[in-house]
């Protein structure tokens, strides 16, 4: 992937098709600014899917790690679903 090009929203509006072609053909993302502030990035759809897959994979690994840590802490102080339901039914 090439270094991103930074363009204002007005510039992108004037030549959106070219910006999309650059993202797809040249694998060059465009950082879109508004009033000098970065607002969005336009990337090729394949790059978006790749980044989304990486993010989902890391999220799943993180959740699995949390579950493993919780499991390794043991069951001290835990209650079953049935016990929790009974406690909730008996609450005033």
C-alpha atoms as a PDB file:
ATOM      1  CA  UNK A   1       0.000   0.000   0.000  1.00  0.00           C
ATOM      2  CA  UNK A   2       1.294   3.447  -0.911  1.00  0.00           C
ATOM      3  CA  UNK A   3       1.511   6.409   1.432  1.00  0.00           C
ATOM      4  CA  UNK A   4      -1.877   8.114   1.708  1.00  0.00           C
ATOM      5  CA  UNK A   5      -2.765  11.266  -0.169  1.00  0.00           C
ATOM      6  CA  UNK A   6      -4.377  14.023   1.916  1.00  0.00           C
ATOM      7  CA  UNK A   7      -7.151  16.002   0.235  1.00  0.00           C
ATOM      8  CA  UNK A   8      -9.932  18.273   1.374  1.00  0.00           C
ATOM      9  CA  UNK A   9     -13.547  17.255   1.027  1.00  0.00           C
ATOM     10  CA  UNK A  10     -13.950  19.887  -1.706  1.00  0.00           C
ATOM     11  CA  UNK A  11     -11.045  18.415  -3.699  1.00  0.00           C
ATOM     12  CA  UNK A  12     -12.407  14.886  -3.349  1.00  0.00           C
ATOM     13  CA  UNK A  13     -15.851  16.032  -4.521  1.00  0.00           C
ATOM     14  CA  UNK A  14     -14.328  17.506  -7.675  1.00  0.00           C
ATOM     15  CA  UNK A  15     -12.706  14.224  -8.719  1.00  0.00           C
ATOM     16  CA  UNK A  16     -14.247  11.401  -6.691  1.00  0.00           C
ATOM     17  CA  UNK A  17     -13.945   8.857  -9.519  1.00  0.00           C
ATOM     18  CA  UNK A  18     -10.193   9.528  -9.712  1.00  0.00           C
ATOM     19  CA  UNK A  19      -9.834   9.136  -5.934  1.00  0.00           C
ATOM     20  CA  UNK A  20     -11.649   5.788  -6.071  1.00  0.00           C
ATOM     21  CA  UNK A  21      -9.533   4.642  -9.031  1.00  0.00           C
ATOM     22  CA  UNK A  22      -6.352   5.641  -7.174  1.00  0.00           C
ATOM     23  CA  UNK A  23      -7.439   3.612  -4.146  1.00  0.00           C
ATOM     24  CA  UNK A  24      -8.297   0.573  -6.256  1.00  0.00           C
ATOM     25  CA  UNK A  25      -5.647   0.651  -8.959  1.00  0.00           C
ATOM     26  CA  UNK A  26      -2.691   2.142  -7.089  1.00  0.00           C
ATOM     27  CA  UNK A  27      -3.641   0.921  -3.600  1.00  0.00           C
ATOM     28  CA  UNK A  28      -3.269   4.501  -2.404  1.00  0.00           C
ATOM     29  CA  UNK A  29      -5.646   5.575   0.358  1.00  0.00           C
ATOM     30  CA  UNK A  30      -6.925   9.133   0.552  1.00  0.00           C
ATOM     31  CA  UNK A  31      -7.289  10.907   3.872  1.00  0.00           C
ATOM     32  CA  UNK A  32     -10.213  13.304   3.542  1.00  0.00           C
ATOM     33  CA  UNK A  33     -10.080  16.492   5.562  1.00  0.00           C
ATOM     34  CA  UNK A  34     -12.751  18.992   6.514  1.00  0.00           C
ATOM     35  CA  UNK A  35     -11.697  22.420   7.740  1.00  0.00           C
ATOM     36  CA  UNK A  36      -8.144  21.100   8.055  1.00  0.00           C
ATOM     37  CA  UNK A  37      -9.125  18.173  10.272  1.00  0.00           C
ATOM     38  CA  UNK A  38      -8.836  14.518   9.159  1.00  0.00           C
ATOM     39  CA  UNK A  39     -12.370  13.112   8.918  1.00  0.00           C
ATOM     40  CA  UNK A  40     -12.273   9.887   6.890  1.00  0.00           C
ATOM     41  CA  UNK A  41     -10.123   7.602   4.774  1.00  0.00           C
ATOM     42  CA  UNK A  42     -11.075   6.200   1.399  1.00  0.00           C
ATOM     43  CA  UNK A  43      -9.483   2.802   0.732  1.00  0.00           C
ATOM     44  CA  UNK A  44      -9.994   0.023  -1.768  1.00  0.00           C
ATOM     45  CA  UNK A  45     -12.758  -2.432  -0.810  1.00  0.00           C
ATOM     46  CA  UNK A  46     -10.300  -5.342  -0.618  1.00  0.00           C
ATOM     47  CA  UNK A  47      -8.118  -3.377   1.808  1.00  0.00           C
ATOM     48  CA  UNK A  48     -11.186  -2.533   3.893  1.00  0.00           C
ATOM     49  CA  UNK A  49     -12.164  -6.215   4.057  1.00  0.00           C
ATOM     50  CA  UNK A  50      -8.606  -7.188   4.998  1.00  0.00           C
ATOM     51  CA  UNK A  51      -8.461  -4.615   7.790  1.00  0.00           C
ATOM     52  CA  UNK A  52     -11.910  -5.632   9.040  1.00  0.00           C
ATOM     53  CA  UNK A  53     -10.866  -9.298   9.141  1.00  0.00           C
ATOM     54  CA  UNK A  54      -7.726  -8.415  11.117  1.00  0.00           C
ATOM     55  CA  UNK A  55      -9.754  -6.347  13.590  1.00  0.00           C
ATOM     56  CA  UNK A  56     -12.305  -9.143  14.057  1.00  0.00           C
ATOM     57  CA  UNK A  57      -9.539 -11.703  14.541  1.00  0.00           C
ATOM     58  CA  UNK A  58      -7.848  -9.565  17.196  1.00  0.00           C
ATOM     59  CA  UNK A  59     -11.163  -8.946  18.929  1.00  0.00           C
ATOM     60  CA  UNK A  60     -11.886 -12.681  19.008  1.00  0.00           C
ATOM     61  CA  UNK A  61      -8.394 -13.412  20.374  1.00  0.00           C
ATOM     62  CA  UNK A  62      -8.867 -10.729  23.034  1.00  0.00           C
ATOM     63  CA  UNK A  63     -12.267 -12.125  24.069  1.00  0.00           C
ATOM     64  CA  UNK A  64     -10.821 -15.636  24.227  1.00  0.00           C
ATOM     65  CA  UNK A  65      -7.992 -14.355  26.410  1.00  0.00           C
ATOM     66  CA  UNK A  66     -10.499 -12.682  28.744  1.00  0.00           C
ATOM     67  CA  UNK A  67     -12.507 -15.900  28.937  1.00  0.00           C
ATOM     68  CA  UNK A  68      -9.361 -17.923  29.665  1.00  0.00           C
ATOM     69  CA  UNK A  69      -8.353 -15.489  32.410  1.00  0.00           C
ATOM     70  CA  UNK A  70     -11.811 -15.613  33.961  1.00  0.00           C
ATOM     71  CA  UNK A  71     -11.794 -19.405  33.827  1.00  0.00           C
ATOM     72  CA  UNK A  72      -8.344 -19.599  35.389  1.00  0.00           C
ATOM     73  CA  UNK A  73      -9.542 -17.508  38.336  1.00  0.00           C
ATOM     74  CA  UNK A  74     -11.729 -20.420  39.296  1.00  0.00           C
ATOM     75  CA  UNK A  75     -15.306 -20.651  40.330  1.00  0.00           C
ATOM     76  CA  UNK A  76     -15.020 -19.099  43.806  1.00  0.00           C
ATOM     77  CA  UNK A  77     -18.011 -16.903  44.436  1.00  0.00           C
ATOM     78  CA  UNK A  78     -19.788 -17.912  41.260  1.00  0.00           C
ATOM     79  CA  UNK A  79     -23.370 -19.120  41.113  1.00  0.00           C
ATOM     80  CA  UNK A  80     -25.207 -21.207  38.565  1.00  0.00           C
ATOM     81  CA  UNK A  81     -27.971 -19.786  36.406  1.00  0.00           C
ATOM     82  CA  UNK A  82     -30.511 -21.686  38.490  1.00  0.00           C
ATOM     83  CA  UNK A  83     -29.124 -20.232  41.715  1.00  0.00           C
ATOM     84  CA  UNK A  84     -29.172 -16.731  40.239  1.00  0.00           C
ATOM     85  CA  UNK A  85     -32.786 -17.180  39.107  1.00  0.00           C
ATOM     86  CA  UNK A  86     -33.764 -18.348  42.587  1.00  0.00           C
ATOM     87  CA  UNK A  87     -32.006 -15.363  44.160  1.00  0.00           C
ATOM     88  CA  UNK A  88     -33.796 -12.983  41.825  1.00  0.00           C
ATOM     89  CA  UNK A  89     -37.193 -14.573  42.515  1.00  0.00           C
ATOM     90  CA  UNK A  90     -36.667 -14.303  46.276  1.00  0.00           C
ATOM     91  CA  UNK A  91     -35.555 -10.669  46.193  1.00  0.00           C
ATOM     92  CA  UNK A  92     -38.063  -8.214  47.725  1.00  0.00           C
END
